[in-house]
């Protein structure tokens, strides 16, 4: 698929940016995160570490373990939205190095900050809701997200079974789609920019570390049955929360799904 092209930017965009900058200048507020955001980030990350350590090394009773798995999944999503996402957009802090650290947190949580930057910052924000390009819309054949996508009989029930696929988002993300992007060198119709040696090392190094910390070590300390139950519960909670927030850009009444012109693109 050929990538869509855009008309020259209109004065509206320039005026919007100008007024936004003027607002922050007038109010004296920073356009990046402040101490409150940093405090929230420390609370989220600290809580995530504490819950993980208690689950893996102290083996709480079943009831507490289930609650902590729900908390762990919620904290994972919270770090993604409040730390990683803002860092990747350069808005977490006025210090570039702190933004890089915040964005890098995704590698510790099982994902890839490199793939996220390409998928979200570039593809999603540049080609929002364009079928075949915006990777967020690609849940085929299981779900139909736009009128342009092929319709199957099962789709009439997707409002009933979407819960299952939303819960599987995160586990699919860290174990399947990151690798698909890595080996195909593409995100939908968009080619990935070349990865440096350090990019490859970070990708594989943290994928291995995540297997150690989230698979091997828990199985060693609490056993396979306890691990698989807790892992599926925590990733299901994370996946569901992430999906609900992600889909606010796609499956609400006001969302538009532009179709490129067949000739001019």
C-alpha atoms as a PDB file:
ATOM      1  CA  UNK A   1       0.000   0.000   0.000  1.00  0.00           C
ATOM      2  CA  UNK A   2       1.284   3.455  -0.935  1.00  0.00           C
ATOM      3  CA  UNK A   3       1.504   5.838   1.995  1.00  0.00           C
ATOM      4  CA  UNK A   4      -0.998   8.707   2.063  1.00  0.00           C
ATOM      5  CA  UNK A   5       0.231  12.192   1.264  1.00  0.00           C
ATOM      6  CA  UNK A   6      -0.843  15.390   2.938  1.00  0.00           C
ATOM      7  CA  UNK A   7      -1.714  18.803   1.579  1.00  0.00           C
ATOM      8  CA  UNK A   8       0.478  21.748   2.640  1.00  0.00           C
ATOM      9  CA  UNK A   9      -0.242  22.717   6.254  1.00  0.00           C
ATOM     10  CA  UNK A  10      -2.942  25.311   6.705  1.00  0.00           C
ATOM     11  CA  UNK A  11      -2.710  28.441   8.801  1.00  0.00           C
ATOM     12  CA  UNK A  12      -4.998  26.801  11.395  1.00  0.00           C
ATOM     13  CA  UNK A  13      -2.208  24.514  12.612  1.00  0.00           C
ATOM     14  CA  UNK A  14       0.286  27.362  12.922  1.00  0.00           C
ATOM     15  CA  UNK A  15      -2.305  29.513  14.699  1.00  0.00           C
ATOM     16  CA  UNK A  16      -3.158  26.678  17.093  1.00  0.00           C
ATOM     17  CA  UNK A  17       0.499  26.174  18.023  1.00  0.00           C
ATOM     18  CA  UNK A  18       0.970  29.912  18.451  1.00  0.00           C
ATOM     19  CA  UNK A  19      -2.027  30.263  20.765  1.00  0.00           C
ATOM     20  CA  UNK A  20      -0.987  27.218  22.773  1.00  0.00           C
ATOM     21  CA  UNK A  21       2.502  28.640  23.289  1.00  0.00           C
ATOM     22  CA  UNK A  22       0.965  32.004  24.197  1.00  0.00           C
ATOM     23  CA  UNK A  23      -1.279  30.342  26.787  1.00  0.00           C
ATOM     24  CA  UNK A  24       1.632  28.718  28.580  1.00  0.00           C
ATOM     25  CA  UNK A  25       3.626  31.928  28.407  1.00  0.00           C
ATOM     26  CA  UNK A  26       0.744  33.959  29.843  1.00  0.00           C
ATOM     27  CA  UNK A  27      -0.058  31.531  32.663  1.00  0.00           C
ATOM     28  CA  UNK A  28       3.574  30.848  33.455  1.00  0.00           C
ATOM     29  CA  UNK A  29       2.999  27.103  33.351  1.00  0.00           C
ATOM     30  CA  UNK A  30       5.606  24.748  31.959  1.00  0.00           C
ATOM     31  CA  UNK A  31       4.802  22.749  28.836  1.00  0.00           C
ATOM     32  CA  UNK A  32       6.536  19.744  30.373  1.00  0.00           C
ATOM     33  CA  UNK A  33       6.027  17.765  33.550  1.00  0.00           C
ATOM     34  CA  UNK A  34       6.582  19.222  37.011  1.00  0.00           C
ATOM     35  CA  UNK A  35       7.356  17.924  40.464  1.00  0.00           C
ATOM     36  CA  UNK A  36       3.873  16.465  40.836  1.00  0.00           C
ATOM     37  CA  UNK A  37       4.330  14.327  37.729  1.00  0.00           C
ATOM     38  CA  UNK A  38       7.751  13.191  38.914  1.00  0.00           C
ATOM     39  CA  UNK A  39       6.275  12.290  42.290  1.00  0.00           C
ATOM     40  CA  UNK A  40       3.494  10.308  40.621  1.00  0.00           C
ATOM     41  CA  UNK A  41       6.063   8.492  38.490  1.00  0.00           C
ATOM     42  CA  UNK A  42       8.131   7.576  41.552  1.00  0.00           C
ATOM     43  CA  UNK A  43       4.989   6.331  43.326  1.00  0.00           C
ATOM     44  CA  UNK A  44       3.928   4.202  40.338  1.00  0.00           C
ATOM     45  CA  UNK A  45       7.363   2.690  39.730  1.00  0.00           C
ATOM     46  CA  UNK A  46       8.013   2.143  43.441  1.00  0.00           C
ATOM     47  CA  UNK A  47       4.636   0.450  43.875  1.00  0.00           C
ATOM     48  CA  UNK A  48       5.237  -1.759  40.847  1.00  0.00           C
ATOM     49  CA  UNK A  49       8.591  -2.926  42.229  1.00  0.00           C
ATOM     50  CA  UNK A  50       7.135  -3.516  45.703  1.00  0.00           C
ATOM     51  CA  UNK A  51       4.193  -5.558  44.407  1.00  0.00           C
ATOM     52  CA  UNK A  52       6.447  -7.588  42.091  1.00  0.00           C
ATOM     53  CA  UNK A  53       8.910  -8.382  44.896  1.00  0.00           C
ATOM     54  CA  UNK A  54       6.131  -9.374  47.291  1.00  0.00           C
ATOM     55  CA  UNK A  55       4.469 -11.625  44.714  1.00  0.00           C
ATOM     56  CA  UNK A  56       7.630 -13.365  43.556  1.00  0.00           C
ATOM     57  CA  UNK A  57       9.676 -13.661  46.747  1.00  0.00           C
ATOM     58  CA  UNK A  58       7.146 -13.696  49.603  1.00  0.00           C
ATOM     59  CA  UNK A  59       4.388 -15.885  48.093  1.00  0.00           C
ATOM     60  CA  UNK A  60       1.276 -14.241  49.576  1.00  0.00           C
ATOM     61  CA  UNK A  61      -1.931 -16.184  50.228  1.00  0.00           C
ATOM     62  CA  UNK A  62      -4.125 -16.826  47.199  1.00  0.00           C
ATOM     63  CA  UNK A  63      -6.587 -14.015  47.858  1.00  0.00           C
ATOM     64  CA  UNK A  64      -3.846 -11.443  48.347  1.00  0.00           C
ATOM     65  CA  UNK A  65      -1.921 -12.810  45.386  1.00  0.00           C
ATOM     66  CA  UNK A  66      -4.907 -12.318  43.070  1.00  0.00           C
ATOM     67  CA  UNK A  67      -5.419  -8.752  44.299  1.00  0.00           C
ATOM     68  CA  UNK A  68      -1.728  -8.011  43.858  1.00  0.00           C
ATOM     69  CA  UNK A  69      -1.766  -9.412  40.313  1.00  0.00           C
ATOM     70  CA  UNK A  70      -4.621  -7.030  39.482  1.00  0.00           C
ATOM     71  CA  UNK A  71      -2.640  -4.205  41.078  1.00  0.00           C
ATOM     72  CA  UNK A  72       0.495  -5.189  39.147  1.00  0.00           C
ATOM     73  CA  UNK A  73      -1.344  -5.081  35.822  1.00  0.00           C
ATOM     74  CA  UNK A  74      -2.918  -1.735  36.700  1.00  0.00           C
ATOM     75  CA  UNK A  75       0.441  -0.291  37.717  1.00  0.00           C
ATOM     76  CA  UNK A  76       2.005  -1.539  34.493  1.00  0.00           C
ATOM     77  CA  UNK A  77      -0.621   0.323  32.472  1.00  0.00           C
ATOM     78  CA  UNK A  78      -0.268   3.363  34.728  1.00  0.00           C
ATOM     79  CA  UNK A  79       3.479   3.532  34.157  1.00  0.00           C
ATOM     80  CA  UNK A  80       2.881   3.211  30.438  1.00  0.00           C
ATOM     81  CA  UNK A  81       0.459   6.142  30.325  1.00  0.00           C
ATOM     82  CA  UNK A  82       2.007   8.443  32.923  1.00  0.00           C
ATOM     83  CA  UNK A  83       5.720   7.807  32.526  1.00  0.00           C
ATOM     84  CA  UNK A  84       6.642   6.053  29.287  1.00  0.00           C
ATOM     85  CA  UNK A  85       4.143   7.805  26.995  1.00  0.00           C
ATOM     86  CA  UNK A  86       5.016  11.299  28.210  1.00  0.00           C
ATOM     87  CA  UNK A  87       8.723  10.563  28.069  1.00  0.00           C
ATOM     88  CA  UNK A  88       8.458   9.265  24.506  1.00  0.00           C
ATOM     89  CA  UNK A  89       6.763  12.531  23.507  1.00  0.00           C
ATOM     90  CA  UNK A  90       9.438  14.599  25.246  1.00  0.00           C
ATOM     91  CA  UNK A  91       6.923  16.121  27.654  1.00  0.00           C
ATOM     92  CA  UNK A  92       7.687  14.241  30.872  1.00  0.00           C
ATOM     93  CA  UNK A  93      10.451  16.650  31.848  1.00  0.00           C
ATOM     94  CA  UNK A  94      12.302  19.707  30.616  1.00  0.00           C
ATOM     95  CA  UNK A  95      15.458  17.590  30.761  1.00  0.00           C
ATOM     96  CA  UNK A  96      15.945  15.473  27.602  1.00  0.00           C
ATOM     97  CA  UNK A  97      17.854  12.761  29.470  1.00  0.00           C
ATOM     98  CA  UNK A  98      14.964  12.292  31.893  1.00  0.00           C
ATOM     99  CA  UNK A  99      12.538  11.990  28.972  1.00  0.00           C
ATOM    100  CA  UNK A 100      14.754   9.269  27.520  1.00  0.00           C
ATOM    101  CA  UNK A 101      14.797   7.409  30.840  1.00  0.00           C
ATOM    102  CA  UNK A 102      11.006   7.650  31.114  1.00  0.00           C
ATOM    103  CA  UNK A 103      10.539   6.394  27.544  1.00  0.00           C
ATOM    104  CA  UNK A 104      13.052   3.602  28.177  1.00  0.00           C
ATOM    105  CA  UNK A 105      10.859   2.224  30.972  1.00  0.00           C
ATOM    106  CA  UNK A 106       8.865   0.293  28.362  1.00  0.00           C
ATOM    107  CA  UNK A 107      11.866  -1.981  27.807  1.00  0.00           C
ATOM    108  CA  UNK A 108      11.763  -2.927  31.487  1.00  0.00           C
ATOM    109  CA  UNK A 109       8.042  -3.698  31.264  1.00  0.00           C
ATOM    110  CA  UNK A 110       8.424  -6.184  28.413  1.00  0.00           C
ATOM    111  CA  UNK A 111       7.956  -3.996  25.350  1.00  0.00           C
ATOM    112  CA  UNK A 112      10.369  -2.158  23.079  1.00  0.00           C
ATOM    113  CA  UNK A 113      10.797   1.613  23.266  1.00  0.00           C
ATOM    114  CA  UNK A 114      12.235   1.558  19.746  1.00  0.00           C
ATOM    115  CA  UNK A 115       9.143  -0.117  18.286  1.00  0.00           C
ATOM    116  CA  UNK A 116       6.850   2.132  20.313  1.00  0.00           C
ATOM    117  CA  UNK A 117       8.522   5.265  18.991  1.00  0.00           C
ATOM    118  CA  UNK A 118       8.002   4.084  15.412  1.00  0.00           C
ATOM    119  CA  UNK A 119       4.487   2.690  15.954  1.00  0.00           C
ATOM    120  CA  UNK A 120       3.021   5.450  18.095  1.00  0.00           C
ATOM    121  CA  UNK A 121       5.006   8.659  17.691  1.00  0.00           C
ATOM    122  CA  UNK A 122       5.443   8.299  13.937  1.00  0.00           C
ATOM    123  CA  UNK A 123       2.798   6.018  12.422  1.00  0.00           C
ATOM    124  CA  UNK A 124      -0.164   6.565  14.756  1.00  0.00           C
ATOM    125  CA  UNK A 125       0.195  10.330  15.108  1.00  0.00           C
ATOM    126  CA  UNK A 126       0.979  10.927  11.451  1.00  0.00           C
ATOM    127  CA  UNK A 127      -1.566   8.527   9.931  1.00  0.00           C
ATOM    128  CA  UNK A 128      -4.250   8.410  12.634  1.00  0.00           C
ATOM    129  CA  UNK A 129      -7.179   6.133  11.738  1.00  0.00           C
ATOM    130  CA  UNK A 130      -6.016   5.509   8.170  1.00  0.00           C
ATOM    131  CA  UNK A 131      -6.749   1.846   7.535  1.00  0.00           C
ATOM    132  CA  UNK A 132      -3.752  -0.126   6.337  1.00  0.00           C
ATOM    133  CA  UNK A 133      -1.297   2.337   7.850  1.00  0.00           C
ATOM    134  CA  UNK A 134      -2.309   3.046  11.450  1.00  0.00           C
ATOM    135  CA  UNK A 135      -1.253  -0.160  13.162  1.00  0.00           C
ATOM    136  CA  UNK A 136      -3.708   0.392  16.018  1.00  0.00           C
ATOM    137  CA  UNK A 137      -6.558  -0.566  13.669  1.00  0.00           C
ATOM    138  CA  UNK A 138      -5.055  -3.890  12.646  1.00  0.00           C
ATOM    139  CA  UNK A 139      -6.896  -6.519  14.699  1.00  0.00           C
ATOM    140  CA  UNK A 140      -7.993  -8.453  11.631  1.00  0.00           C
ATOM    141  CA  UNK A 141      -9.590 -10.899  11.111  1.00  0.00           C
ATOM    142  CA  UNK A 142     -10.736 -11.049  14.725  1.00  0.00           C
ATOM    143  CA  UNK A 143     -12.248  -7.567  14.867  1.00  0.00           C
ATOM    144  CA  UNK A 144     -13.410  -5.046  12.283  1.00  0.00           C
ATOM    145  CA  UNK A 145     -12.391  -1.509  13.185  1.00  0.00           C
ATOM    146  CA  UNK A 146     -13.332   0.453  10.041  1.00  0.00           C
ATOM    147  CA  UNK A 147     -15.856   0.175   7.221  1.00  0.00           C
ATOM    148  CA  UNK A 148     -12.965  -0.357   4.803  1.00  0.00           C
ATOM    149  CA  UNK A 149     -11.964  -3.637   6.436  1.00  0.00           C
ATOM    150  CA  UNK A 150     -13.397  -6.942   5.268  1.00  0.00           C
ATOM    151  CA  UNK A 151     -16.467  -8.026   7.166  1.00  0.00           C
ATOM    152  CA  UNK A 152     -16.931 -11.560   8.496  1.00  0.00           C
ATOM    153  CA  UNK A 153     -20.017 -13.075  10.067  1.00  0.00           C
ATOM    154  CA  UNK A 154     -18.430 -13.236  13.509  1.00  0.00           C
ATOM    155  CA  UNK A 155     -18.015  -9.468  13.554  1.00  0.00           C
ATOM    156  CA  UNK A 156     -21.692  -9.045  14.381  1.00  0.00           C
ATOM    157  CA  UNK A 157     -20.779 -10.392  17.818  1.00  0.00           C
ATOM    158  CA  UNK A 158     -17.551  -8.459  18.364  1.00  0.00           C
ATOM    159  CA  UNK A 159     -19.284  -6.162  20.848  1.00  0.00           C
ATOM    160  CA  UNK A 160     -19.618  -9.284  23.002  1.00  0.00           C
ATOM    161  CA  UNK A 161     -16.225 -10.941  22.577  1.00  0.00           C
ATOM    162  CA  UNK A 162     -13.989  -7.867  22.309  1.00  0.00           C
ATOM    163  CA  UNK A 163     -13.253  -8.205  26.049  1.00  0.00           C
ATOM    164  CA  UNK A 164     -11.137 -11.283  25.378  1.00  0.00           C
ATOM    165  CA  UNK A 165      -8.998  -9.663  22.693  1.00  0.00           C
ATOM    166  CA  UNK A 166      -8.548  -6.497  24.726  1.00  0.00           C
ATOM    167  CA  UNK A 167      -7.262  -8.613  27.611  1.00  0.00           C
ATOM    168  CA  UNK A 168      -4.789 -10.309  25.266  1.00  0.00           C
ATOM    169  CA  UNK A 169      -3.333  -7.028  23.981  1.00  0.00           C
ATOM    170  CA  UNK A 170      -0.312  -6.821  26.239  1.00  0.00           C
ATOM    171  CA  UNK A 171       0.742 -10.446  26.084  1.00  0.00           C
ATOM    172  CA  UNK A 172       0.409 -10.294  22.297  1.00  0.00           C
ATOM    173  CA  UNK A 173       2.393  -7.066  22.241  1.00  0.00           C
ATOM    174  CA  UNK A 174       5.416  -8.351  24.146  1.00  0.00           C
ATOM    175  CA  UNK A 175       5.519 -11.882  22.703  1.00  0.00           C
ATOM    176  CA  UNK A 176       4.258 -11.483  19.128  1.00  0.00           C
ATOM    177  CA  UNK A 177       3.873  -8.053  17.551  1.00  0.00           C
ATOM    178  CA  UNK A 178       7.221  -6.632  18.688  1.00  0.00           C
ATOM    179  CA  UNK A 179       8.939  -9.557  16.974  1.00  0.00           C
ATOM    180  CA  UNK A 180       6.780  -9.236  13.860  1.00  0.00           C
ATOM    181  CA  UNK A 181       7.874  -5.630  13.500  1.00  0.00           C
ATOM    182  CA  UNK A 182      11.496  -6.529  14.182  1.00  0.00           C
ATOM    183  CA  UNK A 183      11.758  -9.291  11.581  1.00  0.00           C
ATOM    184  CA  UNK A 184       9.556  -7.735   8.877  1.00  0.00           C
ATOM    185  CA  UNK A 185      11.130  -4.305   9.440  1.00  0.00           C
ATOM    186  CA  UNK A 186       7.696  -2.802   8.921  1.00  0.00           C
ATOM    187  CA  UNK A 187       4.782  -1.391  10.873  1.00  0.00           C
ATOM    188  CA  UNK A 188       1.811  -1.853   8.596  1.00  0.00           C
ATOM    189  CA  UNK A 189       2.734  -0.102   5.353  1.00  0.00           C
ATOM    190  CA  UNK A 190       5.529   1.938   6.927  1.00  0.00           C
ATOM    191  CA  UNK A 191       9.124   0.722   6.800  1.00  0.00           C
ATOM    192  CA  UNK A 192      11.112   0.900  10.020  1.00  0.00           C
ATOM    193  CA  UNK A 193      14.128   3.150  10.024  1.00  0.00           C
ATOM    194  CA  UNK A 194      17.410   1.183  10.194  1.00  0.00           C
ATOM    195  CA  UNK A 195      18.314  -0.032  13.661  1.00  0.00           C
ATOM    196  CA  UNK A 196      21.786   0.660  15.015  1.00  0.00           C
ATOM    197  CA  UNK A 197      23.880  -1.957  16.772  1.00  0.00           C
ATOM    198  CA  UNK A 198      22.869  -0.526  20.138  1.00  0.00           C
ATOM    199  CA  UNK A 199      19.188  -0.668  19.108  1.00  0.00           C
ATOM    200  CA  UNK A 200      19.527  -4.384  18.354  1.00  0.00           C
ATOM    201  CA  UNK A 201      21.367  -5.023  21.625  1.00  0.00           C
ATOM    202  CA  UNK A 202      18.761  -3.163  23.681  1.00  0.00           C
ATOM    203  CA  UNK A 203      15.911  -4.951  21.915  1.00  0.00           C
ATOM    204  CA  UNK A 204      17.275  -8.458  22.468  1.00  0.00           C
ATOM    205  CA  UNK A 205      18.938  -7.760  25.809  1.00  0.00           C
ATOM    206  CA  UNK A 206      15.747  -6.576  27.439  1.00  0.00           C
ATOM    207  CA  UNK A 207      13.623  -9.260  25.803  1.00  0.00           C
ATOM    208  CA  UNK A 208      15.903 -11.823  27.473  1.00  0.00           C
ATOM    209  CA  UNK A 209      15.874  -9.953  30.800  1.00  0.00           C
ATOM    210  CA  UNK A 210      12.094  -9.818  30.721  1.00  0.00           C
ATOM    211  CA  UNK A 211      11.897 -13.561  30.183  1.00  0.00           C
ATOM    212  CA  UNK A 212      14.156 -13.981  33.209  1.00  0.00           C
ATOM    213  CA  UNK A 213      12.256 -11.611  35.521  1.00  0.00           C
ATOM    214  CA  UNK A 214       8.691 -12.284  34.382  1.00  0.00           C
ATOM    215  CA  UNK A 215       8.865 -15.965  33.416  1.00  0.00           C
ATOM    216  CA  UNK A 216      11.896 -17.914  34.639  1.00  0.00           C
ATOM    217  CA  UNK A 217      12.316 -16.384  38.105  1.00  0.00           C
ATOM    218  CA  UNK A 218       8.616 -16.543  39.104  1.00  0.00           C
ATOM    219  CA  UNK A 219       8.371 -20.156  37.917  1.00  0.00           C
ATOM    220  CA  UNK A 220      11.445 -20.976  40.012  1.00  0.00           C
ATOM    221  CA  UNK A 221      10.093 -19.316  43.170  1.00  0.00           C
ATOM    222  CA  UNK A 222       6.346 -20.085  43.064  1.00  0.00           C
ATOM    223  CA  UNK A 223       5.982 -22.868  40.477  1.00  0.00           C
ATOM    224  CA  UNK A 224       4.483 -23.028  37.010  1.00  0.00           C
ATOM    225  CA  UNK A 225       0.802 -23.109  38.005  1.00  0.00           C
ATOM    226  CA  UNK A 226       1.094 -20.094  40.292  1.00  0.00           C
ATOM    227  CA  UNK A 227       3.104 -18.205  37.701  1.00  0.00           C
ATOM    228  CA  UNK A 228       0.831 -18.883  34.725  1.00  0.00           C
ATOM    229  CA  UNK A 229      -2.258 -17.881  36.703  1.00  0.00           C
ATOM    230  CA  UNK A 230      -0.703 -14.692  38.013  1.00  0.00           C
ATOM    231  CA  UNK A 231       0.957 -13.810  34.722  1.00  0.00           C
ATOM    232  CA  UNK A 232      -2.232 -14.222  32.711  1.00  0.00           C
ATOM    233  CA  UNK A 233      -4.251 -12.213  35.244  1.00  0.00           C
ATOM    234  CA  UNK A 234      -1.814  -9.304  35.478  1.00  0.00           C
ATOM    235  CA  UNK A 235      -1.261  -9.087  31.711  1.00  0.00           C
ATOM    236  CA  UNK A 236      -5.025  -9.361  31.098  1.00  0.00           C
ATOM    237  CA  UNK A 237      -5.672  -6.413  33.412  1.00  0.00           C
ATOM    238  CA  UNK A 238      -2.889  -4.405  31.779  1.00  0.00           C
ATOM    239  CA  UNK A 239      -4.095  -5.293  28.295  1.00  0.00           C
ATOM    240  CA  UNK A 240      -7.698  -4.381  29.026  1.00  0.00           C
ATOM    241  CA  UNK A 241      -6.838  -1.008  30.576  1.00  0.00           C
ATOM    242  CA  UNK A 242      -4.425  -0.182  27.749  1.00  0.00           C
ATOM    243  CA  UNK A 243      -6.952  -1.197  25.089  1.00  0.00           C
ATOM    244  CA  UNK A 244      -9.773   0.887  26.533  1.00  0.00           C
ATOM    245  CA  UNK A 245      -7.586   3.999  26.580  1.00  0.00           C
ATOM    246  CA  UNK A 246      -6.039   3.327  23.156  1.00  0.00           C
ATOM    247  CA  UNK A 247      -9.427   2.863  21.546  1.00  0.00           C
ATOM    248  CA  UNK A 248     -10.652   6.287  22.636  1.00  0.00           C
ATOM    249  CA  UNK A 249      -8.928   7.537  19.483  1.00  0.00           C
ATOM    250  CA  UNK A 250     -10.619   4.945  17.286  1.00  0.00           C
ATOM    251  CA  UNK A 251     -13.982   3.605  18.440  1.00  0.00           C
ATOM    252  CA  UNK A 252     -15.913   6.612  19.704  1.00  0.00           C
ATOM    253  CA  UNK A 253     -18.746   8.271  17.808  1.00  0.00           C
ATOM    254  CA  UNK A 254     -16.746  11.324  16.733  1.00  0.00           C
ATOM    255  CA  UNK A 255     -13.801   9.375  15.301  1.00  0.00           C
ATOM    256  CA  UNK A 256     -13.138   9.857  11.581  1.00  0.00           C
ATOM    257  CA  UNK A 257     -11.481   7.295   9.305  1.00  0.00           C
ATOM    258  CA  UNK A 258     -10.098   9.218   6.308  1.00  0.00           C
ATOM    259  CA  UNK A 259      -9.597   7.302   3.058  1.00  0.00           C
ATOM    260  CA  UNK A 260      -6.773   8.478   0.754  1.00  0.00           C
ATOM    261  CA  UNK A 261      -7.782   9.489  -2.771  1.00  0.00           C
ATOM    262  CA  UNK A 262      -7.267   6.566  -5.161  1.00  0.00           C
ATOM    263  CA  UNK A 263      -5.092   8.639  -7.526  1.00  0.00           C
ATOM    264  CA  UNK A 264      -3.513  11.508  -5.620  1.00  0.00           C
ATOM    265  CA  UNK A 265      -3.213   9.656  -2.288  1.00  0.00           C
END
